[in-house]
Each structure stands twice: as structure tokens, then as C-alpha cells.
């Protein structure tokens, strides 16, 4: 059973929805993203992860405190 957060079928961008959401005072930015399931494996352990990819329009300064 797969989680609903990782969509198999892409959602097409709807400019009307994007503009409506962008005009909400609580929204500071909107960015497309992709998710993909993966397995990380070391000689001792194995774990499932969900990777999230962001495109070049994303301001990565928001994540700078978490990146090494």
C-alpha cells in the first residue's frame, strides 16, 4: 500500500488555481515538486524513504540551515 503523498499520476498545473492561491495573504510562494520512493541500504541496515525534488524556481535559502 502506497502513501497518498507520493502521486503516481502527475497533477497538471492550473493557472487559475495557482493565481487564486498565490493571492492569499498567508501564501508566500508556490513551487512545483516531485516525489519518489527509494530504499537506502548500508551493509547493516535498510530503510524506505520518500525523496522530494524541487525545481530551479525554489529559493533554497529557506533550507540553508538544514543543508550540509
N, C-alpha and C. Protein backbone atom coordinates (compact mmCIF):
# COMPACT_ATOMS: atom_id res chain seq x y z
N UNK A 1 0.84 -1.18 0.00
CA UNK A 1 0.00 0.00 0.00
C UNK A 1 0.89 1.24 0.00
N UNK A 2 0.67 2.14 -0.93
CA UNK A 2 1.47 3.36 -1.03
C UNK A 2 0.77 4.52 -0.34
N UNK A 3 1.58 5.43 0.18
CA UNK A 3 1.04 6.63 0.82
C UNK A 3 0.48 7.57 -0.24
N UNK A 4 -0.53 8.34 0.13
CA UNK A 4 -1.15 9.27 -0.81
C UNK A 4 -0.28 10.48 -1.11
N UNK A 5 0.80 10.68 -0.36
CA UNK A 5 1.65 11.86 -0.56
C UNK A 5 2.50 11.74 -1.82
N UNK A 6 2.77 10.53 -2.26
CA UNK A 6 3.58 10.33 -3.46
C UNK A 6 2.67 9.91 -4.60
N UNK A 7 2.31 10.82 -5.42
CA UNK A 7 1.37 10.57 -6.50
C UNK A 7 2.04 9.84 -7.66
N UNK A 8 1.38 8.85 -8.18
CA UNK A 8 1.85 8.14 -9.35
C UNK A 8 1.52 8.92 -10.62
N UNK A 9 0.40 9.63 -10.61
CA UNK A 9 -0.05 10.38 -11.78
C UNK A 9 0.19 11.87 -11.53
N UNK A 10 0.93 12.55 -12.39
CA UNK A 10 1.20 13.98 -12.17
C UNK A 10 -0.09 14.81 -12.18
N UNK A 11 -0.07 15.87 -11.43
CA UNK A 11 -1.18 16.82 -11.42
C UNK A 11 -0.81 17.94 -12.37
N UNK A 12 -1.66 18.21 -13.33
CA UNK A 12 -1.40 19.28 -14.29
C UNK A 12 -1.59 20.64 -13.63
N UNK A 13 -0.71 21.57 -13.94
CA UNK A 13 -0.80 22.91 -13.38
C UNK A 13 -2.03 23.62 -13.93
N UNK A 14 -2.79 24.23 -13.04
CA UNK A 14 -3.97 25.01 -13.40
C UNK A 14 -3.68 26.45 -13.01
N UNK A 15 -3.45 27.32 -14.00
CA UNK A 15 -3.07 28.70 -13.74
C UNK A 15 -4.09 29.45 -12.90
N UNK A 16 -5.36 29.15 -13.07
CA UNK A 16 -6.40 29.82 -12.29
C UNK A 16 -6.26 29.46 -10.80
N UNK A 17 -6.03 28.19 -10.52
CA UNK A 17 -5.84 27.76 -9.14
C UNK A 17 -4.57 28.38 -8.56
N UNK A 18 -3.48 28.36 -9.32
CA UNK A 18 -2.21 28.94 -8.87
C UNK A 18 -2.40 30.43 -8.53
N UNK A 19 -3.05 31.16 -9.40
CA UNK A 19 -3.26 32.60 -9.15
C UNK A 19 -4.16 32.84 -7.94
N UNK A 20 -5.19 32.02 -7.78
CA UNK A 20 -6.07 32.16 -6.61
C UNK A 20 -5.30 31.92 -5.32
N UNK A 21 -4.51 30.86 -5.29
CA UNK A 21 -3.73 30.53 -4.09
C UNK A 21 -2.65 31.59 -3.86
N UNK A 22 -1.97 32.00 -4.92
CA UNK A 22 -0.90 32.99 -4.80
C UNK A 22 -1.41 34.31 -4.20
N UNK A 23 -2.67 34.65 -4.44
CA UNK A 23 -3.25 35.90 -3.93
C UNK A 23 -3.72 35.82 -2.49
N UNK A 24 -3.65 34.65 -1.87
CA UNK A 24 -4.00 34.53 -0.46
C UNK A 24 -2.90 35.18 0.37
N UNK A 25 -3.26 35.99 1.37
CA UNK A 25 -2.23 36.69 2.15
C UNK A 25 -1.31 35.75 2.93
N UNK A 26 -1.77 34.56 3.24
CA UNK A 26 -0.95 33.61 4.01
C UNK A 26 0.10 32.91 3.16
N UNK A 27 -0.02 32.99 1.84
CA UNK A 27 0.88 32.26 0.94
C UNK A 27 2.03 33.17 0.52
N UNK A 28 3.25 32.69 0.76
CA UNK A 28 4.43 33.48 0.39
C UNK A 28 5.06 33.02 -0.92
N UNK A 29 4.87 31.74 -1.28
CA UNK A 29 5.41 31.25 -2.55
C UNK A 29 4.73 29.93 -2.92
N UNK A 30 4.81 29.61 -4.20
CA UNK A 30 4.27 28.36 -4.74
C UNK A 30 5.34 27.76 -5.63
N UNK A 31 5.63 26.46 -5.43
CA UNK A 31 6.65 25.80 -6.23
C UNK A 31 6.23 24.38 -6.57
N UNK A 32 6.48 23.95 -7.80
CA UNK A 32 6.21 22.56 -8.15
C UNK A 32 7.25 21.65 -7.50
N UNK A 33 6.86 20.39 -7.28
CA UNK A 33 7.79 19.41 -6.72
C UNK A 33 7.43 18.03 -7.22
N UNK A 34 8.35 17.11 -7.05
CA UNK A 34 8.12 15.71 -7.40
C UNK A 34 8.54 14.84 -6.23
N UNK A 35 7.89 13.70 -6.08
CA UNK A 35 8.26 12.76 -5.02
C UNK A 35 8.56 11.40 -5.64
N UNK A 36 9.42 10.65 -4.96
CA UNK A 36 9.80 9.32 -5.45
C UNK A 36 10.19 8.46 -4.26
N UNK A 37 9.66 7.25 -4.20
CA UNK A 37 10.06 6.31 -3.16
C UNK A 37 11.44 5.75 -3.49
N UNK A 38 12.22 5.48 -2.44
CA UNK A 38 13.55 4.88 -2.62
C UNK A 38 13.88 4.04 -1.39
N UNK A 39 14.89 3.21 -1.55
CA UNK A 39 15.39 2.42 -0.43
C UNK A 39 16.84 2.77 -0.23
N UNK A 40 17.20 3.12 1.01
CA UNK A 40 18.59 3.37 1.38
C UNK A 40 19.11 2.12 2.08
N UNK A 41 20.28 1.67 1.66
CA UNK A 41 20.81 0.43 2.20
C UNK A 41 22.29 0.59 2.54
N UNK A 42 22.64 0.17 3.72
CA UNK A 42 24.04 0.08 4.13
C UNK A 42 24.31 -1.40 4.37
N UNK A 43 25.56 -1.78 4.64
CA UNK A 43 25.81 -3.20 4.94
C UNK A 43 25.02 -3.71 6.16
N UNK A 44 24.66 -2.79 7.08
CA UNK A 44 23.97 -3.21 8.30
C UNK A 44 22.47 -2.94 8.30
N UNK A 45 22.00 -1.97 7.53
CA UNK A 45 20.60 -1.55 7.62
C UNK A 45 20.00 -1.26 6.26
N UNK A 46 18.66 -1.23 6.26
CA UNK A 46 17.92 -0.86 5.06
C UNK A 46 16.67 -0.12 5.53
N UNK A 47 16.31 0.99 4.82
CA UNK A 47 15.15 1.76 5.22
C UNK A 47 14.51 2.40 3.99
N UNK A 48 13.19 2.50 4.00
CA UNK A 48 12.47 3.15 2.92
C UNK A 48 12.37 4.65 3.19
N UNK A 49 12.50 5.44 2.14
CA UNK A 49 12.42 6.90 2.26
C UNK A 49 11.55 7.45 1.14
N UNK A 50 11.08 8.65 1.33
CA UNK A 50 10.36 9.37 0.30
C UNK A 50 11.18 10.60 -0.03
N UNK A 51 11.71 10.66 -1.26
CA UNK A 51 12.52 11.79 -1.70
C UNK A 51 11.62 12.85 -2.31
N UNK A 52 11.94 14.10 -2.07
CA UNK A 52 11.18 15.21 -2.64
C UNK A 52 12.13 16.06 -3.46
N UNK A 53 11.80 16.30 -4.71
CA UNK A 53 12.62 17.11 -5.60
C UNK A 53 11.95 18.44 -5.88
N UNK A 54 12.74 19.49 -5.84
CA UNK A 54 12.25 20.85 -6.12
C UNK A 54 12.91 21.37 -7.39
N UNK A 55 12.21 22.22 -8.12
CA UNK A 55 12.78 22.74 -9.35
C UNK A 55 13.63 23.99 -9.09
N UNK A 56 14.19 24.55 -10.13
CA UNK A 56 15.13 25.66 -10.00
C UNK A 56 14.49 26.96 -9.54
N UNK A 57 13.15 27.05 -9.53
CA UNK A 57 12.49 28.28 -9.06
C UNK A 57 12.43 28.35 -7.54
N UNK A 58 12.75 27.26 -6.86
CA UNK A 58 12.68 27.24 -5.40
C UNK A 58 13.83 28.05 -4.80
N UNK A 59 13.52 28.84 -3.79
CA UNK A 59 14.53 29.62 -3.08
C UNK A 59 15.12 28.73 -1.97
N UNK A 60 16.28 28.15 -2.24
CA UNK A 60 16.87 27.20 -1.31
C UNK A 60 17.43 27.87 -0.05
N UNK A 61 17.41 29.17 0.02
CA UNK A 61 17.83 29.86 1.24
C UNK A 61 16.95 29.46 2.42
N UNK A 62 15.70 29.08 2.13
CA UNK A 62 14.78 28.64 3.18
C UNK A 62 15.28 27.35 3.84
N UNK A 63 16.07 26.58 3.13
CA UNK A 63 16.56 25.30 3.64
C UNK A 63 18.02 25.35 4.08
N UNK A 64 18.68 26.47 3.93
CA UNK A 64 20.12 26.56 4.16
C UNK A 64 20.52 26.08 5.56
N UNK A 65 19.68 26.32 6.55
CA UNK A 65 20.00 25.87 7.90
C UNK A 65 19.98 24.37 8.07
N UNK A 66 19.39 23.65 7.12
CA UNK A 66 19.26 22.19 7.21
C UNK A 66 20.22 21.46 6.29
N UNK A 67 20.86 22.18 5.34
CA UNK A 67 21.73 21.53 4.36
C UNK A 67 23.18 21.49 4.82
N UNK A 68 23.86 20.41 4.51
CA UNK A 68 25.28 20.28 4.86
C UNK A 68 26.05 19.94 3.61
